[in-house]
Amino acid sequence: MQEFGATAALETEAPGSCLSKPRTWYAAFTQPRHEKKVSEHLSQRGIEHFLPLYKSVRSWTHYRKVTLNLPLFPNYIFLHIRPEERIRVIEVNGIVTLVGRGKAPEALPEIEIERLRSALGSRRCEPHAYLTVGKKARIIAGPLAGMRGVVLRTKSGGLRAILTIDMIMQSVAVEVAAEELEQDGSFAPVC
């Protein structure tokens, strides 16, 4: 026995209707420290989403160390939805709004989300303060190829690229090798 609901109705609309628009990625702003709960609610509703996490080791009482999985972008979760599904998403407990310019939410480039997803599996990532000044370099190799960011030198002599997603005004620090960076005129790394 097949169950028909709102999801089935969306899939069977005529090709020319507004409901047949492709899914795109949006950023949703959540209530503070509700990212994982929002992810659970979205899973229960069958809404595709992406919550990037990183591991953080914290020292608690009696020198006990605990490894936590924390959101890479605090207060944000990424949604892969059709434009007409926005109302359904806003109703999810813990979501404040969809990020955009003005009143309309703005879609994120699909390639940025896919690059971020592939990098999380192969690179150590951690949050970094949003930067607005400094010189930039373009990453030319690896899963983040094509992305631009500010380059910093770490205490150990390695390099980190600070990649920024301007739409949500958040940045992430990613370890990179010098040979993975390209500098030219306006995109010289900061050392």
Protein backbone atom coordinates (compact mmCIF):
# COMPACT_ATOMS: atom_id res chain seq x y z
CA MET A 1 0.00 0.00 0.00
CA GLN A 2 1.48 3.35 -1.04
CA GLU A 3 0.88 6.42 1.04
CA PHE A 4 0.22 9.72 -0.73
CA GLY A 5 0.98 12.97 1.04
CA ALA A 6 2.27 16.43 0.38
CA THR A 7 5.62 15.09 -0.80
CA ALA A 8 4.03 12.81 -3.38
CA ALA A 9 1.91 15.71 -4.67
CA LEU A 10 5.03 17.84 -5.18
CA GLU A 11 6.70 15.12 -7.23
CA THR A 12 3.73 14.64 -9.57
CA GLU A 13 3.19 18.27 -10.64
CA ALA A 14 3.27 19.13 -14.33
CA PRO A 15 6.77 19.89 -15.71
CA GLY A 16 5.87 23.50 -16.53
CA SER A 17 4.48 24.35 -13.10
CA CYS A 18 6.33 26.39 -10.50
CA LEU A 19 6.51 23.30 -8.27
CA SER A 20 8.91 21.52 -10.62
CA LYS A 21 11.80 23.93 -9.96
CA PRO A 22 15.03 22.15 -9.02
CA ARG A 23 16.25 21.97 -5.45
CA THR A 24 18.90 24.52 -4.46
CA TRP A 25 20.93 25.12 -1.32
CA TYR A 26 19.90 27.76 1.19
CA ALA A 27 21.35 28.73 4.56
CA ALA A 28 18.96 28.79 7.51
CA PHE A 29 19.70 30.83 10.62
CA THR A 30 18.85 28.88 13.79
CA GLN A 31 18.33 29.73 17.41
CA PRO A 32 21.59 29.62 19.40
CA ARG A 33 22.79 26.06 20.09
CA HIS A 34 19.82 24.49 18.26
CA GLU A 35 21.63 23.30 15.12
CA LYS A 36 21.59 19.58 16.01
CA LYS A 37 17.95 19.70 17.17
CA VAL A 38 16.98 21.46 13.93
CA SER A 39 18.84 18.74 12.01
CA GLU A 40 16.77 16.08 13.83
CA HIS A 41 13.51 17.90 13.04
CA LEU A 42 14.47 18.24 9.36
CA SER A 43 15.31 14.52 9.19
CA GLN A 44 11.93 13.64 10.69
CA ARG A 45 10.22 15.75 8.00
CA GLY A 46 12.33 14.24 5.20
CA ILE A 47 13.98 17.54 4.29
CA GLU A 48 17.50 17.21 2.85
CA HIS A 49 20.01 19.25 4.84
CA PHE A 50 23.70 19.54 5.68
CA LEU A 51 25.07 20.36 9.13
CA PRO A 52 28.89 20.50 8.97
CA LEU A 53 30.47 19.45 12.26
CA TYR A 54 34.02 19.48 13.58
CA LYS A 55 35.63 17.71 16.54
CA SER A 56 36.74 19.79 19.51
CA VAL A 57 38.58 18.40 22.53
CA ARG A 58 37.60 20.12 25.77
CA SER A 59 39.01 19.70 29.27
CA TRP A 60 36.35 19.32 31.90
CA THR A 61 36.58 18.86 35.66
CA HIS A 62 39.30 16.63 37.09
CA TYR A 63 41.33 16.95 33.86
CA ARG A 64 38.89 14.75 32.00
CA LYS A 65 39.02 15.37 28.23
CA VAL A 66 35.89 15.11 26.15
CA THR A 67 35.60 15.18 22.35
CA LEU A 68 32.58 17.11 21.14
CA ASN A 69 31.06 17.36 17.67
CA LEU A 70 30.26 21.05 17.26
CA PRO A 71 28.71 22.98 14.36
CA LEU A 72 31.34 24.40 12.02
CA PHE A 73 29.09 27.43 11.39
CA PRO A 74 27.32 28.23 14.68
CA ASN A 75 23.64 29.12 14.22
CA TYR A 76 23.51 27.93 10.58
CA ILE A 77 22.35 24.82 8.75
CA PHE A 78 22.20 24.29 5.00
CA LEU A 79 18.98 23.14 3.30
CA HIS A 80 18.54 21.55 -0.14
CA ILE A 81 14.98 22.53 -1.04
CA ARG A 82 12.76 23.89 -3.78
CA PRO A 83 11.81 27.58 -3.45
CA GLU A 84 8.18 26.68 -2.72
CA GLU A 85 9.23 24.53 0.27
CA ARG A 86 10.44 27.57 2.21
CA ILE A 87 7.24 27.85 4.27
CA ARG A 88 7.52 24.19 5.30
CA VAL A 89 11.10 24.81 6.47
CA ILE A 90 10.36 28.01 8.41
CA GLU A 91 7.79 26.05 10.42
CA VAL A 92 10.54 23.78 11.79
CA ASN A 93 11.11 24.47 15.47
CA GLY A 94 14.46 26.22 15.98
CA ILE A 95 14.76 27.86 12.54
CA VAL A 96 14.59 31.65 12.73
CA THR A 97 14.83 32.57 9.04
CA LEU A 98 16.35 31.72 5.68
CA VAL A 99 19.38 33.86 4.85
CA GLY A 100 19.17 36.29 1.95
CA ARG A 101 19.28 39.87 0.87
CA GLY A 102 16.15 41.79 1.71
CA LYS A 103 13.03 39.73 2.26
CA ALA A 104 13.80 36.92 -0.20
CA PRO A 105 16.17 34.08 0.69
CA GLU A 106 19.13 33.73 -1.64
CA ALA A 107 20.38 30.40 -2.97
CA LEU A 108 23.96 29.32 -2.31
CA PRO A 109 26.12 28.00 -5.15
CA GLU A 110 25.79 24.20 -5.33
CA ILE A 111 29.52 23.83 -6.00
CA GLU A 112 30.46 25.56 -2.71
CA ILE A 113 28.37 23.16 -0.65
CA GLU A 114 29.74 20.13 -2.51
CA ARG A 115 33.33 21.34 -2.03
CA LEU A 116 32.70 21.92 1.66
CA ARG A 117 31.20 18.43 2.03
CA SER A 118 34.16 16.76 0.33
CA ALA A 119 36.71 18.81 2.29
CA LEU A 120 35.22 17.85 5.67
CA GLY A 121 36.07 14.21 5.03
CA SER A 122 39.67 14.84 4.05
CA ARG A 123 40.77 17.99 5.90
CA ARG A 124 40.85 19.26 9.45
CA CYS A 125 38.43 22.18 9.63
CA GLU A 126 37.54 24.50 12.48
CA PRO A 127 35.61 27.77 12.81
CA HIS A 128 37.45 31.04 12.36
CA ALA A 129 36.47 34.65 12.91
CA TYR A 130 34.90 36.34 9.88
CA LEU A 131 37.54 38.39 8.07
CA THR A 132 36.94 41.39 5.87
CA VAL A 133 40.49 42.64 5.33
CA GLY A 134 43.67 41.01 4.07
CA LYS A 135 45.02 39.58 0.88
CA LYS A 136 43.59 36.49 -0.78
CA ALA A 137 44.84 33.42 -2.61
CA ARG A 138 43.04 30.88 -4.76
CA ILE A 139 43.20 27.18 -3.96
CA ILE A 140 44.23 25.29 -7.11
CA ALA A 141 44.38 21.66 -5.95
CA GLY A 142 42.43 19.27 -3.78
CA PRO A 143 38.72 19.19 -2.96
CA LEU A 144 38.58 22.96 -2.38
CA ALA A 145 40.08 23.86 -5.79
CA GLY A 146 38.64 27.11 -7.10
CA MET A 147 37.77 28.62 -3.74
CA ARG A 148 39.43 31.82 -2.57
CA GLY A 149 40.45 32.73 0.93
CA VAL A 150 42.83 34.63 3.15
CA VAL A 151 46.03 32.73 3.85
CA LEU A 152 47.63 32.68 7.31
CA ARG A 153 50.82 31.03 8.52
CA THR A 154 50.39 28.85 11.64
CA LYS A 155 52.80 28.62 14.58
CA SER A 156 54.11 25.29 13.25
CA GLY A 157 54.99 26.87 9.91
CA GLY A 158 52.07 25.31 8.01
CA LEU A 159 49.45 27.25 6.10
CA ARG A 160 45.77 27.73 6.70
CA ALA A 161 43.29 29.23 4.28
CA ILE A 162 40.44 31.16 5.84
CA LEU A 163 37.50 30.47 3.52
CA THR A 164 34.53 32.78 3.80
CA ILE A 165 30.89 32.27 2.87
CA ASP A 166 29.83 35.90 2.55
CA MET A 167 26.10 35.14 2.46
CA ILE A 168 26.13 34.00 6.10
CA MET A 169 29.13 36.10 7.16
CA GLN A 170 30.99 33.07 8.50
CA SER A 171 34.51 31.75 7.91
CA VAL A 172 36.25 28.44 8.34
CA ALA A 173 39.98 27.70 8.71
CA VAL A 174 41.30 24.86 6.55
CA GLU A 175 44.85 23.50 6.52
CA VAL A 176 46.41 23.66 3.04
CA ALA A 177 49.80 22.98 1.50
CA ALA A 178 51.71 25.83 -0.14
CA GLU A 179 51.60 24.06 -3.52
CA GLU A 180 47.79 24.08 -3.39
CA LEU A 181 47.71 27.89 -3.46
CA GLU A 182 48.04 30.29 -6.37
CA GLN A 183 48.90 33.90 -5.91
CA ASP A 184 48.65 36.63 -8.48
CA GLY A 185 48.43 40.39 -8.16
CA SER A 186 45.20 40.82 -6.21
CA PHE A 187 45.32 37.38 -4.59
CA ALA A 188 48.68 37.36 -2.75
CA PRO A 189 48.76 35.36 0.50
CA VAL A 190 49.43 37.00 3.84
CA CYS A 191 52.44 35.48 5.59
